[in-house]
Protein backbone atom coordinates (compact mmCIF):
# COMPACT_ATOMS: atom_id res chain seq x y z
CA MET A 1 0.00 0.00 0.00
CA ASN A 2 1.10 3.54 -0.80
CA ILE A 3 -0.02 6.55 1.24
CA ALA A 4 0.09 10.18 0.08
CA PHE A 5 0.07 12.87 2.76
CA LEU A 6 -1.09 16.25 1.46
CA ARG A 7 -1.28 19.61 3.16
CA HIS A 8 -4.50 21.56 2.59
CA GLY A 9 -4.65 24.51 0.18
CA LYS A 10 -4.12 28.12 1.20
CA THR A 11 -6.51 30.04 3.43
CA GLN A 12 -6.74 33.71 4.28
CA GLY A 13 -5.06 32.85 7.56
CA ASN A 14 -2.08 31.44 5.65
CA LEU A 15 -1.85 34.59 3.54
CA GLU A 16 -1.82 36.68 6.72
CA HIS A 17 0.77 34.39 8.37
CA ARG A 18 -1.47 33.54 11.30
CA TYR A 19 -1.10 30.62 13.70
CA VAL A 20 -4.13 28.74 12.47
CA GLY A 21 -4.82 25.50 14.29
CA SER A 22 -8.42 24.96 15.37
CA THR A 23 -9.79 28.07 13.59
CA ASP A 24 -11.98 26.71 10.80
CA TYR A 25 -10.95 28.73 7.74
CA PRO A 26 -12.18 27.77 4.27
CA LEU A 27 -9.84 27.83 1.30
CA CYS A 28 -9.32 31.31 -0.12
CA GLY A 29 -9.67 32.07 -3.84
CA GLU A 30 -5.91 32.01 -4.33
CA GLY A 31 -5.77 28.62 -2.61
CA VAL A 32 -8.43 27.15 -4.87
CA GLU A 33 -6.71 28.41 -8.01
CA GLU A 34 -3.33 27.11 -6.87
CA LEU A 35 -4.78 23.65 -6.19
CA ARG A 36 -6.42 23.59 -9.61
CA ALA A 37 -3.09 24.50 -11.21
CA LEU A 38 -1.29 21.73 -9.30
CA LEU A 39 -4.02 19.26 -10.22
CA GLY A 40 -3.53 20.21 -13.86
CA LYS A 41 0.14 19.26 -13.57
CA GLY A 42 -0.86 15.68 -12.74
CA ILE A 43 1.24 15.55 -9.57
CA TYR A 44 -1.25 13.82 -7.27
CA PRO A 45 -1.10 10.03 -6.87
CA ASP A 46 -4.26 8.01 -7.35
CA ALA A 47 -6.18 7.13 -4.21
CA GLU A 48 -8.95 4.63 -3.56
CA HIS A 49 -9.90 6.31 -0.30
CA LEU A 50 -9.20 9.57 1.55
CA TYR A 51 -8.64 10.15 5.26
CA VAL A 52 -9.29 13.80 6.00
CA SER A 53 -9.08 16.25 8.88
CA PRO A 54 -12.63 17.46 9.66
CA LEU A 55 -11.62 21.11 9.33
CA LEU A 56 -13.14 22.85 6.32
CA ARG A 57 -9.88 23.68 4.56
CA CYS A 58 -8.98 19.98 4.42
CA ARG A 59 -12.44 18.79 3.40
CA GLU A 60 -12.50 21.35 0.56
CA THR A 61 -9.00 20.34 -0.54
CA GLY A 62 -9.91 16.64 -0.61
CA SER A 63 -13.07 17.28 -2.62
CA LEU A 64 -11.24 19.44 -5.15
CA LEU A 65 -8.26 17.10 -5.66
CA TYR A 66 -10.14 13.80 -5.48
CA PRO A 67 -13.72 14.41 -6.65
CA GLY A 68 -15.94 11.40 -6.08
CA VAL A 69 -13.37 9.47 -4.04
CA PRO A 70 -14.88 8.16 -0.77
CA SER A 71 -13.50 9.76 2.35
CA THR A 72 -13.38 9.26 6.11
CA LEU A 73 -13.17 12.25 8.46
CA LEU A 74 -10.69 11.57 11.24
CA ASP A 75 -10.65 13.94 14.21
CA GLY A 76 -7.11 12.95 15.16
CA LEU A 77 -5.84 14.59 11.95
CA ARG A 78 -6.79 18.10 13.18
CA GLU A 79 -4.04 20.70 13.47
CA GLN A 80 -2.58 21.52 16.88
CA HIS A 81 -4.60 24.00 18.94
CA TYR A 82 -2.48 27.11 19.62
CA GLY A 83 -4.35 28.35 22.68
CA GLU A 84 -3.81 32.07 23.33
CA PHE A 85 -1.83 32.36 20.09
CA GLU A 86 -4.61 30.87 17.96
CA ASN A 87 -5.42 32.91 14.81
CA LYS A 88 -2.89 35.62 15.70
CA SER A 89 0.00 36.67 13.49
CA TYR A 90 3.67 36.92 14.33
CA SER A 91 3.48 40.71 14.17
CA GLU A 92 0.69 40.66 16.77
CA LEU A 93 2.62 38.33 19.08
CA LYS A 94 6.29 39.22 18.66
CA HIS A 95 6.50 41.38 21.80
CA ASP A 96 4.64 38.87 24.01
CA PRO A 97 7.15 37.21 26.43
CA ALA A 98 5.09 34.00 26.49
CA PHE A 99 5.23 33.84 22.70
CA ARG A 100 8.99 34.46 22.67
CA ALA A 101 9.46 31.64 25.19
CA TRP A 102 7.34 29.32 23.07
CA ILE A 103 9.32 30.16 19.93
CA ASP A 104 12.64 29.70 21.74
CA ALA A 105 11.49 26.26 22.94
CA GLU A 106 10.97 25.22 19.27
CA GLY A 107 7.72 23.46 20.02
CA GLY A 108 9.01 21.81 23.19
CA GLN A 109 6.37 23.41 25.39
CA PRO A 110 2.64 24.03 24.91
CA PRO A 111 1.36 27.47 23.93
CA PRO A 112 -0.56 29.01 26.85
CA GLY A 113 -3.98 27.37 26.96
CA GLY A 114 -3.13 25.21 23.96
CA GLU A 115 -2.39 21.58 23.16
CA SER A 116 0.88 20.22 24.51
CA PRO A 117 3.43 18.67 22.14
CA GLU A 118 3.00 15.35 23.96
CA ALA A 119 -0.79 15.34 23.58
CA PHE A 120 -0.48 16.37 19.93
CA ALA A 121 2.01 13.57 19.24
CA GLU A 122 -0.18 10.99 20.99
CA ARG A 123 -3.29 12.10 19.10
CA THR A 124 -1.69 12.15 15.66
CA GLY A 125 0.12 8.85 16.24
CA ALA A 126 -3.15 7.21 17.23
CA ALA A 127 -4.81 8.62 14.09
CA LEU A 128 -2.02 7.15 11.94
CA ASP A 129 -2.46 3.76 13.60
CA TRP A 130 -6.20 3.82 13.04
CA LEU A 131 -6.14 4.83 9.38
CA LEU A 132 -3.41 2.33 8.48
CA ARG A 133 -5.35 -0.46 10.19
CA ASP A 134 -8.58 0.59 8.50
CA ALA A 135 -6.95 0.81 5.06
CA ARG A 136 -5.35 -2.62 5.42
CA GLU A 137 -8.58 -4.23 6.63
CA LYS A 138 -10.37 -2.85 3.59
CA GLY A 139 -7.62 -3.89 1.19
CA TYR A 140 -6.76 -0.48 -0.24
CA GLY A 141 -3.66 -0.33 -2.41
CA SER A 142 -3.45 3.48 -2.42
CA ILE A 143 -4.80 6.08 -0.02
CA ALA A 144 -4.39 9.81 0.54
CA VAL A 145 -4.42 11.76 3.80
CA VAL A 146 -5.44 15.43 3.60
CA THR A 147 -4.33 17.18 6.75
CA HIS A 148 -2.23 20.06 8.13
CA GLY A 149 1.42 21.02 8.02
CA GLY A 150 1.94 20.57 11.76
CA VAL A 151 0.36 17.12 11.72
CA MET A 152 2.62 16.04 8.89
CA MET A 153 5.80 17.38 10.50
CA SER A 154 4.92 15.80 13.84
CA LEU A 155 4.32 12.39 12.28
CA PHE A 156 7.22 12.37 9.85
CA SER A 157 9.82 13.62 12.33
CA ARG A 158 9.01 10.51 14.40
CA TYR A 159 8.14 7.81 11.87
CA ALA A 160 9.45 8.71 8.41
CA ARG A 161 12.60 7.45 6.74
CA PRO A 162 14.98 9.03 5.91
CA VAL A 163 15.29 10.60 9.35
CA ARG A 164 14.74 14.36 9.39
CA ASP A 165 13.96 16.81 12.18
CA PHE A 166 10.55 18.43 12.62
CA TYR A 167 11.18 21.35 10.28
CA GLY A 168 12.87 19.13 7.71
CA TRP A 169 9.42 17.88 6.71
CA GLN A 170 7.79 21.18 5.79
CA ALA A 171 5.45 21.12 2.80
CA GLY A 172 3.77 24.03 1.07
CA ASN A 173 0.03 24.26 0.70
CA GLY A 174 -1.25 21.56 -1.63
CA ARG A 175 2.08 19.73 -1.51
CA GLY A 176 3.19 16.63 0.33
CA PHE A 177 4.92 13.27 0.29
CA LEU A 178 4.25 9.73 -0.91
CA PHE A 179 5.23 6.92 1.46
CA LYS A 180 5.13 3.16 1.75
CA PRO A 181 4.22 2.14 5.31
CA THR A 182 5.65 -0.97 6.89
CA ALA A 183 3.31 -3.74 7.94
CA ALA A 184 4.72 -4.05 11.45
CA ASP A 185 4.75 -0.51 12.85
CA ARG A 186 4.30 3.18 12.04
CA THR A 187 7.46 3.49 9.91
CA LEU A 188 6.86 5.40 6.66
CA THR A 189 9.46 5.03 3.90
CA LEU A 190 9.59 7.99 1.53
CA LEU A 191 8.95 7.14 -2.12
CA LYS A 192 8.85 10.67 -3.54
CA THR A 193 7.91 14.25 -2.79
CA ILE A 194 4.78 15.80 -4.26
CA ASP A 195 5.80 19.16 -5.76
CA CYS A 196 7.96 20.22 -2.85
CA GLU A 197 11.67 20.29 -2.14
CA GLU A 198 13.40 16.96 -2.23
CA VAL A 199 14.27 15.49 1.15
CA VAL A 200 18.05 15.11 1.28
CA LEU A 201 19.56 12.17 3.13
């Protein structure tokens, strides 16, 4: 089985460089047009089934890229909740000491009132386990996961091969990675990138 992980298309929050986790933005016009252009390039792998974050930006992305393909909404694929920083931009937060401490910790501590890195990792890891088990039970040969950048970086920095750090697995909107999962555990072996920078060993 092959599994494509794709980041949702652009939203207004992305254009404004906001920390958008639980805020339920739709795709913006620019995001829709960019996805259509990428779709026209034929970069997206085939998928028999989609596993999708329930947030609107992911549901819209899945419907646009894979029209008519059955999908399962999976709450564990939601983006991290940023607490007091949610839906605020860097320019709005840059003088906040709590924000500076959070940035300096490089994700090693929770944002005030937000989801901790440990809880986020546990939730996303459990979602990966569930969707892989479900896909195998149903005999799918190819699936796609439409989710968020933070979810992808959290999962891949722990389970993907080659080994990269958290920020080494960044993907632009509408971009992602194609993996082959192992049968025994959560290990994901990279097959190719999907219109983003190559991962260097």
